[in-house]
Amino acid sequence: IIVVSDSHGNWAVFDKIDRIFLESD
C-alpha cells in the first residue's frame, strides 16, 4: 500500500517513484 499526501502539484516526484507505484497493490 502506498499513501501519498501533501504533494502540492509536484508531479515530478511521482515520476521519480513510478516504480514504487507500479509494484503497489
PDB file of all heavy atoms in Angstrom:
ATOM      1  N   ILE A   1       0.850  -1.184   0.000  1.00  0.00           N
ATOM      2  CA  ILE A   1       0.000   0.000   0.000  1.00  0.00           C
ATOM      3  C   ILE A   1       0.888   1.238   0.000  1.00  0.00           C
ATOM      4  O   ILE A   1       1.797   1.355   0.816  1.00  0.00           O
ATOM      5  CB  ILE A   1      -0.922   0.017   1.231  1.00  0.00           C
ATOM      6  CG1 ILE A   1      -1.828  -1.209   1.221  1.00  0.00           C
ATOM      7  CG2 ILE A   1      -1.727   1.308   1.287  1.00  0.00           C
ATOM      8  CD1 ILE A   1      -2.599  -1.409   2.502  1.00  0.00           C
ATOM      9  N   ILE A   2       0.601   2.167  -0.901  1.00  0.00           N
ATOM     10  CA  ILE A   2       1.310   3.441  -0.975  1.00  0.00           C
ATOM     11  C   ILE A   2       0.340   4.530  -0.540  1.00  0.00           C
ATOM     12  O   ILE A   2      -0.791   4.593  -1.023  1.00  0.00           O
ATOM     13  CB  ILE A   2       1.780   3.746  -2.415  1.00  0.00           C
ATOM     14  CG1 ILE A   2       2.628   2.615  -2.977  1.00  0.00           C
ATOM     15  CG2 ILE A   2       2.502   5.082  -2.480  1.00  0.00           C
ATOM     16  CD1 ILE A   2       3.891   2.345  -2.223  1.00  0.00           C
ATOM     17  N   VAL A   3       0.784   5.393   0.367  1.00  0.00           N
ATOM     18  CA  VAL A   3      -0.010   6.534   0.810  1.00  0.00           C
ATOM     19  C   VAL A   3       0.770   7.792   0.459  1.00  0.00           C
ATOM     20  O   VAL A   3       1.921   7.945   0.847  1.00  0.00           O
ATOM     21  CB  VAL A   3      -0.287   6.479   2.333  1.00  0.00           C
ATOM     22  CG1 VAL A   3      -1.101   7.687   2.767  1.00  0.00           C
ATOM     23  CG2 VAL A   3      -1.001   5.179   2.693  1.00  0.00           C
ATOM     24  N   VAL A   4       0.117   8.695  -0.285  1.00  0.00           N
ATOM     25  CA  VAL A   4       0.741   9.933  -0.733  1.00  0.00           C
ATOM     26  C   VAL A   4      -0.099  11.101  -0.232  1.00  0.00           C
ATOM     27  O   VAL A   4      -1.325  11.075  -0.338  1.00  0.00           O
ATOM     28  CB  VAL A   4       0.824   9.988  -2.278  1.00  0.00           C
ATOM     29  CG1 VAL A   4       1.468  11.266  -2.746  1.00  0.00           C
ATOM     30  CG2 VAL A   4       1.551   8.778  -2.828  1.00  0.00           C
ATOM     31  N   SER A   5       0.561  12.114   0.300  1.00  0.00           N
ATOM     32  CA  SER A   5      -0.162  13.325   0.704  1.00  0.00           C
ATOM     33  C   SER A   5       0.749  14.529   0.551  1.00  0.00           C
ATOM     34  O   SER A   5       1.960  14.389   0.356  1.00  0.00           O
ATOM     35  CB  SER A   5      -0.654  13.206   2.146  1.00  0.00           C
ATOM     36  OG  SER A   5       0.421  13.212   3.041  1.00  0.00           O
ATOM     37  N   ASP A   6       0.150  15.697   0.643  1.00  0.00           N
ATOM     38  CA  ASP A   6       0.901  16.959   0.595  1.00  0.00           C
ATOM     39  C   ASP A   6       1.814  17.053  -0.619  1.00  0.00           C
ATOM     40  O   ASP A   6       2.966  17.467  -0.521  1.00  0.00           O
ATOM     41  CB  ASP A   6       1.713  17.156   1.880  1.00  0.00           C
ATOM     42  CG  ASP A   6       0.819  17.227   3.108  1.00  0.00           C
ATOM     43  OD1 ASP A   6      -0.156  17.998   3.060  1.00  0.00           O
ATOM     44  OD2 ASP A   6       1.079  16.506   4.074  1.00  0.00           O
ATOM     45  N   SER A   7       1.301  16.670  -1.762  1.00  0.00           N
ATOM     46  CA  SER A   7       2.114  16.677  -2.985  1.00  0.00           C
ATOM     47  C   SER A   7       2.236  18.060  -3.607  1.00  0.00           C
ATOM     48  O   SER A   7       3.190  18.320  -4.336  1.00  0.00           O
ATOM     49  CB  SER A   7       1.551  15.688  -4.004  1.00  0.00           C
ATOM     50  OG  SER A   7       0.156  15.832  -4.131  1.00  0.00           O
ATOM     51  N   HIS A   8       1.290  18.940  -3.354  1.00  0.00           N
ATOM     52  CA  HIS A   8       1.368  20.346  -3.762  1.00  0.00           C
ATOM     53  C   HIS A   8       1.737  20.551  -5.230  1.00  0.00           C
ATOM     54  O   HIS A   8       2.541  21.424  -5.560  1.00  0.00           O
ATOM     55  CB  HIS A   8       2.345  21.110  -2.877  1.00  0.00           C
ATOM     56  CG  HIS A   8       1.960  21.113  -1.431  1.00  0.00           C
ATOM     57  ND1 HIS A   8       0.955  21.906  -0.936  1.00  0.00           N
ATOM     58  CD2 HIS A   8       2.424  20.376  -0.388  1.00  0.00           C
ATOM     59  CE1 HIS A   8       0.830  21.679   0.363  1.00  0.00           C
ATOM     60  NE2 HIS A   8       1.711  20.748   0.719  1.00  0.00           N
ATOM     61  N   GLY A   9       1.212  19.721  -6.104  1.00  0.00           N
ATOM     62  CA  GLY A   9       1.437  19.900  -7.535  1.00  0.00           C
ATOM     63  C   GLY A   9       2.807  19.485  -8.021  1.00  0.00           C
ATOM     64  O   GLY A   9       3.168  19.765  -9.166  1.00  0.00           O
ATOM     65  N   ASN A  10       3.576  18.817  -7.201  1.00  0.00           N
ATOM     66  CA  ASN A  10       4.936  18.412  -7.580  1.00  0.00           C
ATOM     67  C   ASN A  10       4.889  17.046  -8.268  1.00  0.00           C
ATOM     68  O   ASN A  10       5.313  16.035  -7.711  1.00  0.00           O
ATOM     69  CB  ASN A  10       5.833  18.379  -6.338  1.00  0.00           C
ATOM     70  CG  ASN A  10       7.282  18.207  -6.687  1.00  0.00           C
ATOM     71  OD1 ASN A  10       7.651  18.087  -7.850  1.00  0.00           O
ATOM     72  ND2 ASN A  10       8.123  18.185  -5.685  1.00  0.00           N
ATOM     73  N   TRP A  11       4.413  17.019  -9.499  1.00  0.00           N
ATOM     74  CA  TRP A  11       4.234  15.770 -10.245  1.00  0.00           C
ATOM     75  C   TRP A  11       5.563  15.120 -10.611  1.00  0.00           C
ATOM     76  O   TRP A  11       5.618  13.924 -10.850  1.00  0.00           O
ATOM     77  CB  TRP A  11       3.403  16.013 -11.487  1.00  0.00           C
ATOM     78  CG  TRP A  11       2.002  16.441 -11.189  1.00  0.00           C
ATOM     79  CD1 TRP A  11       1.435  16.627  -9.961  1.00  0.00           C
ATOM     80  CD2 TRP A  11       0.982  16.731 -12.127  1.00  0.00           C
ATOM     81  NE1 TRP A  11       0.138  17.010 -10.090  1.00  0.00           N
ATOM     82  CE2 TRP A  11      -0.168  17.093 -11.412  1.00  0.00           C
ATOM     83  CE3 TRP A  11       0.937  16.731 -13.505  1.00  0.00           C
ATOM     84  CZ2 TRP A  11      -1.368  17.442 -12.030  1.00  0.00           C
ATOM     85  CZ3 TRP A  11      -0.252  17.076 -14.122  1.00  0.00           C
ATOM     86  CH2 TRP A  11      -1.394  17.426 -13.389  1.00  0.00           C
ATOM     87  N   ALA A  12       6.640  15.878 -10.650  1.00  0.00           N
ATOM     88  CA  ALA A  12       7.951  15.305 -10.979  1.00  0.00           C
ATOM     89  C   ALA A  12       8.347  14.242  -9.949  1.00  0.00           C
ATOM     90  O   ALA A  12       9.009  13.261 -10.297  1.00  0.00           O
ATOM     91  CB  ALA A  12       9.001  16.404 -11.042  1.00  0.00           C
ATOM     92  N   VAL A  13       7.927  14.427  -8.720  1.00  0.00           N
ATOM     93  CA  VAL A  13       8.216  13.432  -7.684  1.00  0.00           C
ATOM     94  C   VAL A  13       7.517  12.118  -8.013  1.00  0.00           C
ATOM     95  O   VAL A  13       8.069  11.035  -7.809  1.00  0.00           O
ATOM     96  CB  VAL A  13       7.779  13.947  -6.293  1.00  0.00           C
ATOM     97  CG1 VAL A  13       7.858  12.858  -5.249  1.00  0.00           C
ATOM     98  CG2 VAL A  13       8.624  15.134  -5.891  1.00  0.00           C
ATOM     99  N   PHE A  14       6.301  12.191  -8.541  1.00  0.00           N
ATOM    100  CA  PHE A  14       5.572  10.980  -8.909  1.00  0.00           C
ATOM    101  C   PHE A  14       6.339  10.180  -9.958  1.00  0.00           C
ATOM    102  O   PHE A  14       6.356   8.954  -9.916  1.00  0.00           O
ATOM    103  CB  PHE A  14       4.173  11.302  -9.432  1.00  0.00           C
ATOM    104  CG  PHE A  14       3.270  11.968  -8.420  1.00  0.00           C
ATOM    105  CD1 PHE A  14       2.259  12.798  -8.849  1.00  0.00           C
ATOM    106  CD2 PHE A  14       3.417  11.751  -7.062  1.00  0.00           C
ATOM    107  CE1 PHE A  14       1.408  13.402  -7.936  1.00  0.00           C
ATOM    108  CE2 PHE A  14       2.575  12.354  -6.141  1.00  0.00           C
ATOM    109  CZ  PHE A  14       1.564  13.186  -6.583  1.00  0.00           C
ATOM    110  N   ASP A  15       6.944  10.875 -10.893  1.00  0.00           N
ATOM    111  CA  ASP A  15       7.737  10.184 -11.917  1.00  0.00           C
ATOM    112  C   ASP A  15       8.957   9.488 -11.295  1.00  0.00           C
ATOM    113  O   ASP A  15       9.336   8.406 -11.728  1.00  0.00           O
ATOM    114  CB  ASP A  15       8.185  11.155 -13.003  1.00  0.00           C
ATOM    115  CG  ASP A  15       7.030  11.620 -13.880  1.00  0.00           C
ATOM    116  OD1 ASP A  15       6.033  10.879 -13.996  1.00  0.00           O
ATOM    117  OD2 ASP A  15       7.127  12.731 -14.439  1.00  0.00           O
ATOM    118  N   LYS A  16       9.532  10.101 -10.285  1.00  0.00           N
ATOM    119  CA  LYS A  16      10.704   9.513  -9.637  1.00  0.00           C
ATOM    120  C   LYS A  16      10.362   8.240  -8.872  1.00  0.00           C
ATOM    121  O   LYS A  16      11.219   7.369  -8.727  1.00  0.00           O
ATOM    122  CB  LYS A  16      11.341  10.518  -8.687  1.00  0.00           C
ATOM    123  CG  LYS A  16      12.025  11.662  -9.392  1.00  0.00           C
ATOM    124  CD  LYS A  16      12.656  12.623  -8.422  1.00  0.00           C
ATOM    125  CE  LYS A  16      13.318  13.769  -9.148  1.00  0.00           C
ATOM    126  NZ  LYS A  16      13.939  14.719  -8.227  1.00  0.00           N
ATOM    127  N   ILE A  17       9.142   8.145  -8.384  1.00  0.00           N
ATOM    128  CA  ILE A  17       8.754   6.953  -7.613  1.00  0.00           C
ATOM    129  C   ILE A  17       7.777   6.069  -8.394  1.00  0.00           C
ATOM    130  O   ILE A  17       7.068   5.256  -7.811  1.00  0.00           O
ATOM    131  CB  ILE A  17       8.190   7.338  -6.229  1.00  0.00           C
ATOM    132  CG1 ILE A  17       6.935   8.213  -6.351  1.00  0.00           C
ATOM    133  CG2 ILE A  17       9.254   8.007  -5.387  1.00  0.00           C
ATOM    134  CD1 ILE A  17       6.235   8.438  -5.021  1.00  0.00           C
ATOM    135  N   ASP A  18       7.783   6.212  -9.686  1.00  0.00           N
ATOM    136  CA  ASP A  18       6.873   5.447 -10.539  1.00  0.00           C
ATOM    137  C   ASP A  18       7.012   3.935 -10.336  1.00  0.00           C
ATOM    138  O   ASP A  18       6.033   3.206 -10.311  1.00  0.00           O
ATOM    139  CB  ASP A  18       7.088   5.810 -12.004  1.00  0.00           C
ATOM    140  CG  ASP A  18       5.999   5.265 -12.898  1.00  0.00           C
ATOM    141  OD1 ASP A  18       4.824   5.597 -12.665  1.00  0.00           O
ATOM    142  OD2 ASP A  18       6.324   4.488 -13.807  1.00  0.00           O
ATOM    143  N   ARG A  19       8.230   3.457 -10.158  1.00  0.00           N
ATOM    144  CA  ARG A  19       8.458   2.029  -9.944  1.00  0.00           C
ATOM    145  C   ARG A  19       7.732   1.541  -8.690  1.00  0.00           C
ATOM    146  O   ARG A  19       7.164   0.458  -8.665  1.00  0.00           O
ATOM    147  CB  ARG A  19       9.949   1.746  -9.824  1.00  0.00           C
ATOM    148  CG  ARG A  19      10.285   0.270  -9.645  1.00  0.00           C
ATOM    149  CD  ARG A  19      11.764   0.024  -9.402  1.00  0.00           C
ATOM    150  NE  ARG A  19      12.308   0.726  -8.250  1.00  0.00           N
ATOM    151  CZ  ARG A  19      12.154   0.325  -6.972  1.00  0.00           C
ATOM    152  NH1 ARG A  19      11.492  -0.763  -6.705  1.00  0.00           N
ATOM    153  NH2 ARG A  19      12.683   1.018  -5.986  1.00  0.00           N
ATOM    154  N   ILE A  20       7.714   2.373  -7.667  1.00  0.00           N
ATOM    155  CA  ILE A  20       7.019   2.015  -6.431  1.00  0.00           C
ATOM    156  C   ILE A  20       5.520   1.934  -6.684  1.00  0.00           C
ATOM    157  O   ILE A  20       4.844   1.022  -6.208  1.00  0.00           O
ATOM    158  CB  ILE A  20       7.349   3.022  -5.320  1.00  0.00           C
ATOM    159  CG1 ILE A  20       8.836   2.944  -4.989  1.00  0.00           C
ATOM    160  CG2 ILE A  20       6.499   2.763  -4.075  1.00  0.00           C
ATOM    161  CD1 ILE A  20       9.326   4.048  -4.078  1.00  0.00           C
ATOM    162  N   PHE A  21       4.987   2.884  -7.448  1.00  0.00           N
ATOM    163  CA  PHE A  21       3.565   2.832  -7.804  1.00  0.00           C
ATOM    164  C   PHE A  21       3.245   1.561  -8.586  1.00  0.00           C
ATOM    165  O   PHE A  21       2.232   0.914  -8.350  1.00  0.00           O
ATOM    166  CB  PHE A  21       3.154   4.046  -8.639  1.00  0.00           C
ATOM    167  CG  PHE A  21       3.055   5.342  -7.872  1.00  0.00           C
ATOM    168  CD1 PHE A  21       3.402   6.534  -8.475  1.00  0.00           C
ATOM    169  CD2 PHE A  21       2.605   5.384  -6.568  1.00  0.00           C
ATOM    170  CE1 PHE A  21       3.292   7.738  -7.799  1.00  0.00           C
ATOM    171  CE2 PHE A  21       2.494   6.580  -5.878  1.00  0.00           C
ATOM    172  CZ  PHE A  21       2.841   7.765  -6.498  1.00  0.00           C
ATOM    173  N   LEU A  22       4.098   1.216  -9.518  1.00  0.00           N
ATOM    174  CA  LEU A  22       3.872   0.025 -10.335  1.00  0.00           C
ATOM    175  C   LEU A  22       3.832  -1.246  -9.490  1.00  0.00           C
ATOM    176  O   LEU A  22       3.043  -2.151  -9.753  1.00  0.00           O
ATOM    177  CB  LEU A  22       4.970  -0.114 -11.400  1.00  0.00           C
ATOM    178  CG  LEU A  22       4.892   0.842 -12.575  1.00  0.00           C
ATOM    179  CD1 LEU A  22       6.169   0.775 -13.402  1.00  0.00           C
ATOM    180  CD2 LEU A  22       3.691   0.528 -13.431  1.00  0.00           C
ATOM    181  N   GLU A  23       4.677  -1.320  -8.476  1.00  0.00           N
ATOM    182  CA  GLU A  23       4.771  -2.512  -7.643  1.00  0.00           C
ATOM    183  C   GLU A  23       3.687  -2.587  -6.565  1.00  0.00           C
ATOM    184  O   GLU A  23       3.525  -3.623  -5.937  1.00  0.00           O
ATOM    185  CB  GLU A  23       6.144  -2.563  -6.974  1.00  0.00           C
ATOM    186  CG  GLU A  23       7.278  -2.752  -7.952  1.00  0.00           C
ATOM    187  CD  GLU A  23       8.642  -2.651  -7.300  1.00  0.00           C
ATOM    188  OE1 GLU A  23       8.716  -2.360  -6.080  1.00  0.00           O
ATOM    189  OE2 GLU A  23       9.640  -2.864  -8.007  1.00  0.00           O
ATOM    190  N   SER A  24       2.974  -1.503  -6.347  1.00  0.00           N
ATOM    191  CA  SER A  24       1.991  -1.470  -5.260  1.00  0.00           C
ATOM    192  C   SER A  24       0.673  -2.112  -5.687  1.00  0.00           C
ATOM    193  O   SER A  24       0.358  -2.231  -6.874  1.00  0.00           O
ATOM    194  CB  SER A  24       1.743  -0.032  -4.828  1.00  0.00           C
ATOM    195  OG  SER A  24       1.022   0.664  -5.825  1.00  0.00           O
ATOM    196  N   ASP A  25      -0.096  -2.510  -4.679  1.00  0.00           N
ATOM    197  CA  ASP A  25      -1.431  -3.052  -4.915  1.00  0.00           C
ATOM    198  C   ASP A  25      -2.508  -1.981  -4.777  1.00  0.00           C
ATOM    199  O   ASP A  25      -3.540  -2.039  -5.439  1.00  0.00           O
ATOM    200  CB  ASP A  25      -1.714  -4.188  -3.926  1.00  0.00           C
ATOM    201  CG  ASP A  25      -0.768  -5.343  -4.140  1.00  0.00           C
ATOM    202  OD1 ASP A  25      -0.806  -5.935  -5.230  1.00  0.00           O
ATOM    203  OD2 ASP A  25       0.035  -5.635  -3.230  1.00  0.00           O
TER     204      ASP A  25
END
